[in-house]
């Protein structure tokens, strides 16, 4: 009876381990890695765009508050 019990426990642990390893292998598969890297790159790019947009808005607010002419609007800029 003890042997059957331990056999069943061993089978259950084996099935659990194989299932976990398959999931881990799918996560680490090249397609998943490339997809994750692409998502990360897109998120970083989006964050950078938002930061630059916020910087431009804040610069405009500061220039207006200080009464400084926007250098980009001047004709003799070049």
PDB file of N, CA and C in Angstrom:
ATOM      1  N   UNK A   1       0.813  -1.187   0.000  1.00  0.00           N
ATOM      2  CA  UNK A   1       0.000   0.000   0.000  1.00  0.00           C
ATOM      3  C   UNK A   1       0.866   1.265   0.000  1.00  0.00           C
ATOM      4  N   UNK A   2       1.949   1.251   0.780  1.00  0.00           N
ATOM      5  CA  UNK A   2       2.841   2.399   0.828  1.00  0.00           C
ATOM      6  C   UNK A   2       3.473   2.650  -0.534  1.00  0.00           C
ATOM      7  N   UNK A   3       3.818   1.589  -1.237  1.00  0.00           N
ATOM      8  CA  UNK A   3       4.467   1.728  -2.532  1.00  0.00           C
ATOM      9  C   UNK A   3       3.527   2.370  -3.546  1.00  0.00           C
ATOM     10  N   UNK A   4       2.283   2.002  -3.520  1.00  0.00           N
ATOM     11  CA  UNK A   4       1.309   2.590  -4.433  1.00  0.00           C
ATOM     12  C   UNK A   4       1.130   4.077  -4.116  1.00  0.00           C
ATOM     13  N   UNK A   5       1.064   4.395  -2.839  1.00  0.00           N
ATOM     14  CA  UNK A   5       0.933   5.796  -2.420  1.00  0.00           C
ATOM     15  C   UNK A   5       2.108   6.621  -2.940  1.00  0.00           C
ATOM     16  N   UNK A   6       3.333   6.149  -2.740  1.00  0.00           N
ATOM     17  CA  UNK A   6       4.512   6.888  -3.178  1.00  0.00           C
ATOM     18  C   UNK A   6       4.622   6.931  -4.699  1.00  0.00           C
ATOM     19  N   UNK A   7       4.134   5.870  -5.360  1.00  0.00           N
ATOM     20  CA  UNK A   7       4.116   5.872  -6.819  1.00  0.00           C
ATOM     21  C   UNK A   7       3.183   6.979  -7.327  1.00  0.00           C
ATOM     22  N   UNK A   8       2.012   7.102  -6.726  1.00  0.00           N
ATOM     23  CA  UNK A   8       1.058   8.135  -7.116  1.00  0.00           C
ATOM     24  C   UNK A   8       1.629   9.522  -6.828  1.00  0.00           C
ATOM     25  N   UNK A   9       2.268   9.699  -5.672  1.00  0.00           N
ATOM     26  CA  UNK A   9       2.898  10.980  -5.331  1.00  0.00           C
ATOM     27  C   UNK A   9       3.990  11.306  -6.350  1.00  0.00           C
ATOM     28  N   UNK A  10       4.807  10.343  -6.722  1.00  0.00           N
ATOM     29  CA  UNK A  10       5.880  10.548  -7.693  1.00  0.00           C
ATOM     30  C   UNK A  10       5.341  10.936  -9.059  1.00  0.00           C
ATOM     31  N   UNK A  11       4.264  10.291  -9.484  1.00  0.00           N
ATOM     32  CA  UNK A  11       3.647  10.615 -10.776  1.00  0.00           C
ATOM     33  C   UNK A  11       3.093  12.040 -10.746  1.00  0.00           C
ATOM     34  N   UNK A  12       2.433  12.399  -9.674  1.00  0.00           N
ATOM     35  CA  UNK A  12       1.853  13.744  -9.558  1.00  0.00           C
ATOM     36  C   UNK A  12       2.953  14.805  -9.584  1.00  0.00           C
ATOM     37  N   UNK A  13       4.024  14.587  -8.845  1.00  0.00           N
ATOM     38  CA  UNK A  13       5.131  15.547  -8.835  1.00  0.00           C
ATOM     39  C   UNK A  13       5.767  15.621 -10.223  1.00  0.00           C
ATOM     40  N   UNK A  14       5.911  14.494 -10.897  1.00  0.00           N
ATOM     41  CA  UNK A  14       6.482  14.476 -12.238  1.00  0.00           C
ATOM     42  C   UNK A  14       5.630  15.251 -13.232  1.00  0.00           C
ATOM     43  N   UNK A  15       4.325  15.041 -13.184  1.00  0.00           N
ATOM     44  CA  UNK A  15       3.410  15.752 -14.084  1.00  0.00           C
ATOM     45  C   UNK A  15       3.469  17.250 -13.798  1.00  0.00           C
ATOM     46  N   UNK A  16       3.483  17.618 -12.527  1.00  0.00           N
ATOM     47  CA  UNK A  16       3.568  19.033 -12.152  1.00  0.00           C
ATOM     48  C   UNK A  16       4.873  19.650 -12.662  1.00  0.00           C
ATOM     49  N   UNK A  17       5.982  18.944 -12.469  1.00  0.00           N
ATOM     50  CA  UNK A  17       7.282  19.465 -12.905  1.00  0.00           C
ATOM     51  C   UNK A  17       7.332  19.630 -14.416  1.00  0.00           C
ATOM     52  N   UNK A  18       6.830  18.658 -15.155  1.00  0.00           N
ATOM     53  CA  UNK A  18       6.852  18.740 -16.616  1.00  0.00           C
ATOM     54  C   UNK A  18       5.979  19.899 -17.089  1.00  0.00           C
ATOM     55  N   UNK A  19       4.821  20.090 -16.483  1.00  0.00           N
ATOM     56  CA  UNK A  19       3.930  21.185 -16.846  1.00  0.00           C
ATOM     57  C   UNK A  19       4.606  22.532 -16.600  1.00  0.00           C
ATOM     58  N   UNK A  20       5.241  22.688 -15.437  1.00  0.00           N
ATOM     59  CA  UNK A  20       5.934  23.938 -15.122  1.00  0.00           C
ATOM     60  C   UNK A  20       7.094  24.179 -16.082  1.00  0.00           C
ATOM     61  N   UNK A  21       7.832  23.152 -16.424  1.00  0.00           N
ATOM     62  CA  UNK A  21       8.968  23.297 -17.336  1.00  0.00           C
ATOM     63  C   UNK A  21       8.502  23.675 -18.740  1.00  0.00           C
ATOM     64  N   UNK A  22       7.397  23.115 -19.188  1.00  0.00           N
ATOM     65  CA  UNK A  22       6.867  23.473 -20.511  1.00  0.00           C
ATOM     66  C   UNK A  22       6.469  24.950 -20.547  1.00  0.00           C
ATOM     67  N   UNK A  23       5.803  25.417 -19.501  1.00  0.00           N
ATOM     68  CA  UNK A  23       5.415  26.832 -19.441  1.00  0.00           C
ATOM     69  C   UNK A  23       6.653  27.722 -19.443  1.00  0.00           C
ATOM     70  N   UNK A  24       7.665  27.339 -18.678  1.00  0.00           N
ATOM     71  CA  UNK A  24       8.889  28.125 -18.607  1.00  0.00           C
ATOM     72  C   UNK A  24       9.608  28.134 -19.956  1.00  0.00           C
ATOM     73  N   UNK A  25       9.598  27.002 -20.648  1.00  0.00           N
ATOM     74  CA  UNK A  25      10.237  26.932 -21.965  1.00  0.00           C
ATOM     75  C   UNK A  25       9.512  27.811 -22.972  1.00  0.00           C
ATOM     76  N   UNK A  26       8.184  27.872 -22.904  1.00  0.00           N
ATOM     77  CA  UNK A  26       7.429  28.732 -23.809  1.00  0.00           C
ATOM     78  C   UNK A  26       7.745  30.202 -23.555  1.00  0.00           C
ATOM     79  N   UNK A  27       7.920  30.552 -22.298  1.00  0.00           N
ATOM     80  CA  UNK A  27       8.234  31.938 -21.954  1.00  0.00           C
ATOM     81  C   UNK A  27       9.616  32.309 -22.488  1.00  0.00           C
ATOM     82  N   UNK A  28      10.544  31.380 -22.409  1.00  0.00           N
ATOM     83  CA  UNK A  28      11.915  31.657 -22.818  1.00  0.00           C
ATOM     84  C   UNK A  28      12.181  31.353 -24.290  1.00  0.00           C
ATOM     85  N   UNK A  29      11.161  30.954 -25.018  1.00  0.00           N
ATOM     86  CA  UNK A  29      11.329  30.661 -26.441  1.00  0.00           C
ATOM     87  C   UNK A  29      11.715  31.934 -27.186  1.00  0.00           C
ATOM     88  N   UNK A  30      12.462  31.819 -28.268  1.00  0.00           N
ATOM     89  CA  UNK A  30      12.914  33.005 -29.000  1.00  0.00           C
ATOM     90  C   UNK A  30      11.780  33.938 -29.425  1.00  0.00           C
ATOM     91  N   UNK A  31      10.637  33.400 -29.841  1.00  0.00           N
ATOM     92  CA  UNK A  31       9.523  34.250 -30.256  1.00  0.00           C
ATOM     93  C   UNK A  31       9.050  35.100 -29.086  1.00  0.00           C
ATOM     94  N   UNK A  32       8.949  34.470 -27.922  1.00  0.00           N
ATOM     95  CA  UNK A  32       8.496  35.205 -26.741  1.00  0.00           C
ATOM     96  C   UNK A  32       9.505  36.266 -26.338  1.00  0.00           C
ATOM     97  N   UNK A  33      10.775  35.933 -26.449  1.00  0.00           N
ATOM     98  CA  UNK A  33      11.814  36.894 -26.084  1.00  0.00           C
ATOM     99  C   UNK A  33      11.778  38.078 -27.037  1.00  0.00           C
ATOM    100  N   UNK A  34      11.646  37.811 -28.326  1.00  0.00           N
ATOM    101  CA  UNK A  34      11.580  38.896 -29.297  1.00  0.00           C
ATOM    102  C   UNK A  34      10.339  39.744 -29.089  1.00  0.00           C
ATOM    103  N   UNK A  35       9.219  39.098 -28.807  1.00  0.00           N
ATOM    104  CA  UNK A  35       7.974  39.832 -28.571  1.00  0.00           C
ATOM    105  C   UNK A  35       8.090  40.705 -27.328  1.00  0.00           C
ATOM    106  N   UNK A  36       8.687  40.155 -26.276  1.00  0.00           N
ATOM    107  CA  UNK A  36       8.868  40.928 -25.048  1.00  0.00           C
ATOM    108  C   UNK A  36       9.809  42.105 -25.280  1.00  0.00           C
ATOM    109  N   UNK A  37      10.872  41.876 -26.035  1.00  0.00           N
ATOM    110  CA  UNK A  37      11.816  42.955 -26.326  1.00  0.00           C
ATOM    111  C   UNK A  37      11.148  44.039 -27.166  1.00  0.00           C
ATOM    112  N   UNK A  38      10.325  43.639 -28.110  1.00  0.00           N
ATOM    113  CA  UNK A  38       9.622  44.618 -28.943  1.00  0.00           C
ATOM    114  C   UNK A  38       8.644  45.443 -28.096  1.00  0.00           C
ATOM    115  N   UNK A  39       7.945  44.794 -27.182  1.00  0.00           N
ATOM    116  CA  UNK A  39       7.024  45.515 -26.299  1.00  0.00           C
ATOM    117  C   UNK A  39       7.783  46.488 -25.401  1.00  0.00           C
ATOM    118  N   UNK A  40       8.923  46.049 -24.882  1.00  0.00           N
ATOM    119  CA  UNK A  40       9.726  46.907 -24.033  1.00  0.00           C
ATOM    120  C   UNK A  40      10.250  48.109 -24.816  1.00  0.00           C
ATOM    121  N   UNK A  41      10.732  47.869 -26.027  1.00  0.00           N
ATOM    122  CA  UNK A  41      11.248  48.960 -26.861  1.00  0.00           C
ATOM    123  C   UNK A  41      10.143  49.969 -27.182  1.00  0.00           C
ATOM    124  N   UNK A  42       8.949  49.469 -27.482  1.00  0.00           N
ATOM    125  CA  UNK A  42       7.831  50.360 -27.780  1.00  0.00           C
ATOM    126  C   UNK A  42       7.455  51.185 -26.548  1.00  0.00           C
ATOM    127  N   UNK A  43       7.474  50.551 -25.389  1.00  0.00           N
ATOM    128  CA  UNK A  43       7.138  51.271 -24.155  1.00  0.00           C
ATOM    129  C   UNK A  43       8.171  52.345 -23.853  1.00  0.00           C
ATOM    130  N   UNK A  44       9.451  52.035 -24.045  1.00  0.00           N
ATOM    131  CA  UNK A  44      10.507  53.009 -23.804  1.00  0.00           C
ATOM    132  C   UNK A  44      10.392  54.165 -24.794  1.00  0.00           C
ATOM    133  N   UNK A  45      10.114  53.842 -26.059  1.00  0.00           N
ATOM    134  CA  UNK A  45       9.957  54.879 -27.082  1.00  0.00           C
ATOM    135  C   UNK A  45       8.776  55.789 -26.738  1.00  0.00           C
ATOM    136  N   UNK A  46       7.665  55.191 -26.326  1.00  0.00           N
ATOM    137  CA  UNK A  46       6.471  55.958 -25.954  1.00  0.00           C
ATOM    138  C   UNK A  46       6.768  56.862 -24.755  1.00  0.00           C
ATOM    139  N   UNK A  47       7.473  56.328 -23.769  1.00  0.00           N
ATOM    140  CA  UNK A  47       7.835  57.110 -22.592  1.00  0.00           C
ATOM    141  C   UNK A  47       8.724  58.288 -22.988  1.00  0.00           C
ATOM    142  N   UNK A  48       9.696  58.046 -23.852  1.00  0.00           N
ATOM    143  CA  UNK A  48      10.574  59.117 -24.320  1.00  0.00           C
ATOM    144  C   UNK A  48       9.806  60.204 -25.042  1.00  0.00           C
ATOM    145  N   UNK A  49       8.847  59.789 -25.879  1.00  0.00           N
ATOM    146  CA  UNK A  49       8.023  60.767 -26.589  1.00  0.00           C
ATOM    147  C   UNK A  49       7.218  61.626 -25.614  1.00  0.00           C
ATOM    148  N   UNK A  50       6.662  60.989 -24.599  1.00  0.00           N
ATOM    149  CA  UNK A  50       5.882  61.731 -23.611  1.00  0.00           C
ATOM    150  C   UNK A  50       6.757  62.702 -22.823  1.00  0.00           C
ATOM    151  N   UNK A  51       7.968  62.272 -22.490  1.00  0.00           N
ATOM    152  CA  UNK A  51       8.876  63.155 -21.753  1.00  0.00           C
ATOM    153  C   UNK A  51       9.239  64.362 -22.611  1.00  0.00           C
ATOM    154  N   UNK A  52       9.587  64.135 -23.883  1.00  0.00           N
ATOM    155  CA  UNK A  52       9.932  65.248 -24.764  1.00  0.00           C
ATOM    156  C   UNK A  52       8.761  66.201 -24.947  1.00  0.00           C
ATOM    157  N   UNK A  53       7.560  65.650 -25.063  1.00  0.00           N
ATOM    158  CA  UNK A  53       6.363  66.486 -25.202  1.00  0.00           C
ATOM    159  C   UNK A  53       6.147  67.327 -23.948  1.00  0.00           C
ATOM    160  N   UNK A  54       6.308  66.711 -22.796  1.00  0.00           N
ATOM    161  CA  UNK A  54       6.165  67.445 -21.538  1.00  0.00           C
ATOM    162  C   UNK A  54       7.221  68.516 -21.383  1.00  0.00           C
ATOM    163  N   UNK A  55       8.450  68.209 -21.814  1.00  0.00           N
ATOM    164  CA  UNK A  55       9.517  69.207 -21.745  1.00  0.00           C
ATOM    165  C   UNK A  55       9.205  70.405 -22.633  1.00  0.00           C
ATOM    166  N   UNK A  56       8.698  70.143 -23.820  1.00  0.00           N
ATOM    167  CA  UNK A  56       8.364  71.234 -24.741  1.00  0.00           C
ATOM    168  C   UNK A  56       7.240  72.096 -24.167  1.00  0.00           C
ATOM    169  N   UNK A  57       6.230  71.456 -23.576  1.00  0.00           N
ATOM    170  CA  UNK A  57       5.136  72.211 -22.958  1.00  0.00           C
ATOM    171  C   UNK A  57       5.651  73.080 -21.822  1.00  0.00           C
ATOM    172  N   UNK A  58       6.484  72.491 -20.980  1.00  0.00           N
ATOM    173  CA  UNK A  58       6.999  73.229 -19.828  1.00  0.00           C
ATOM    174  C   UNK A  58       7.900  74.376 -20.280  1.00  0.00           C
ATOM    175  N   UNK A  59       8.701  74.153 -21.309  1.00  0.00           N
ATOM    176  CA  UNK A  59       9.550  75.221 -21.817  1.00  0.00           C
ATOM    177  C   UNK A  59       8.710  76.384 -22.338  1.00  0.00           C
ATOM    178  N   UNK A  60       7.635  76.048 -23.042  1.00  0.00           N
ATOM    179  CA  UNK A  60       6.736  77.089 -23.547  1.00  0.00           C
ATOM    180  C   UNK A  60       6.114  77.859 -22.385  1.00  0.00           C
ATOM    181  N   UNK A  61       5.672  77.154 -21.345  1.00  0.00           N
ATOM    182  CA  UNK A  61       5.088  77.815 -20.175  1.00  0.00           C
ATOM    183  C   UNK A  61       6.097  78.741 -19.508  1.00  0.00           C
ATOM    184  N   UNK A  62       7.330  78.272 -19.358  1.00  0.00           N
ATOM    185  CA  UNK A  62       8.355  79.097 -18.721  1.00  0.00           C
ATOM    186  C   UNK A  62       8.693  80.319 -19.562  1.00  0.00           C
ATOM    187  N   UNK A  63       8.794  80.137 -20.876  1.00  0.00           N
ATOM    188  CA  UNK A  63       9.094  81.268 -21.764  1.00  0.00           C
ATOM    189  C   UNK A  63       7.971  82.310 -21.700  1.00  0.00           C
ATOM    190  N   UNK A  64       6.708  81.835 -21.681  1.00  0.00           N
ATOM    191  CA  UNK A  64       5.582  82.762 -21.568  1.00  0.00           C
ATOM    192  C   UNK A  64       5.610  83.497 -20.230  1.00  0.00           C
ATOM    193  N   UNK A  65       5.889  82.754 -19.169  1.00  0.00           N
ATOM    194  CA  UNK A  65       5.908  83.362 -17.835  1.00  0.00           C
ATOM    195  C   UNK A  65       7.029  84.378 -17.698  1.00  0.00           C
ATOM    196  N   UNK A  66       8.161  84.132 -18.348  1.00  0.00           N
ATOM    197  CA  UNK A  66       9.297  85.040 -18.242  1.00  0.00           C
ATOM    198  C   UNK A  66       9.321  86.093 -19.341  1.00  0.00           C
ATOM    199  N   UNK A  67       8.419  85.977 -20.288  1.00  0.00           N
ATOM    200  CA  UNK A  67       8.354  86.947 -21.373  1.00  0.00           C
ATOM    201  C   UNK A  67       9.499  86.805 -22.362  1.00  0.00           C
ATOM    202  N   UNK A  68      10.016  85.603 -22.493  1.00  0.00           N
ATOM    203  CA  UNK A  68      11.119  85.351 -23.428  1.00  0.00           C
ATOM    204  C   UNK A  68      10.529  84.918 -24.756  1.00  0.00           C
ATOM    205  N   UNK A  69      11.081  85.506 -25.826  1.00  0.00           N
ATOM    206  CA  UNK A  69      10.599  85.148 -27.161  1.00  0.00           C
ATOM    207  C   UNK A  69      11.066  83.731 -27.480  1.00  0.00           C
ATOM    208  N   UNK A  70      10.212  82.969 -28.083  1.00  0.00           N
ATOM    209  CA  UNK A  70      10.567  81.609 -28.473  1.00  0.00           C
ATOM    210  C   UNK A  70      11.582  81.671 -29.599  1.00  0.00           C
ATOM    211  N   UNK A  71      12.742  81.089 -29.432  1.00  0.00           N
ATOM    212  CA  UNK A  71      13.819  81.172 -30.411  1.00  0.00           C
ATOM    213  C   UNK A  71      13.453  80.447 -31.695  1.00  0.00           C
ATOM    214  N   UNK A  72      12.574  79.495 -31.631  1.00  0.00           N
ATOM    215  CA  UNK A  72      12.162  78.768 -32.827  1.00  0.00           C
ATOM    216  C   UNK A  72      11.266  79.598 -33.732  1.00  0.00           C
ATOM    217  N   UNK A  73      10.610  80.617 -33.162  1.00  0.00           N
ATOM    218  CA  UNK A  73       9.716  81.463 -33.940  1.00  0.00           C
ATOM    219  C   UNK A  73      10.436  82.615 -34.636  1.00  0.00           C
ATOM    220  N   UNK A  74      11.639  82.886 -34.193  1.00  0.00           N
ATOM    221  CA  UNK A  74      12.380  84.008 -34.786  1.00  0.00           C
ATOM    222  C   UNK A  74      12.875  83.664 -36.174  1.00  0.00           C
ATOM    223  N   UNK A  75      12.855  84.653 -37.063  1.00  0.00           N
ATOM    224  CA  UNK A  75      13.306  84.422 -38.433  1.00  0.00           C
ATOM    225  C   UNK A  75      14.814  84.355 -38.516  1.00  0.00           C
ATOM    226  N   UNK A  76      15.525  85.089 -37.654  1.00  0.00           N
ATOM    227  CA  UNK A  76      16.979  85.102 -37.717  1.00  0.00           C
ATOM    228  C   UNK A  76      17.588  83.954 -36.896  1.00  0.00           C
ATOM    229  N   UNK A  77      16.802  82.949 -36.670  1.00  0.00           N
ATOM    230  CA  UNK A  77      17.247  81.797 -35.884  1.00  0.00           C
ATOM    231  C   UNK A  77      18.401  81.065 -36.564  1.00  0.00           C
ATOM    232  N   UNK A  78      18.356  80.992 -37.865  1.00  0.00           N
ATOM    233  CA  UNK A  78      19.382  80.240 -38.598  1.00  0.00           C
ATOM    234  C   UNK A  78      20.526  81.141 -38.773  1.00  0.00           C
TER     235      UNK A  78
END
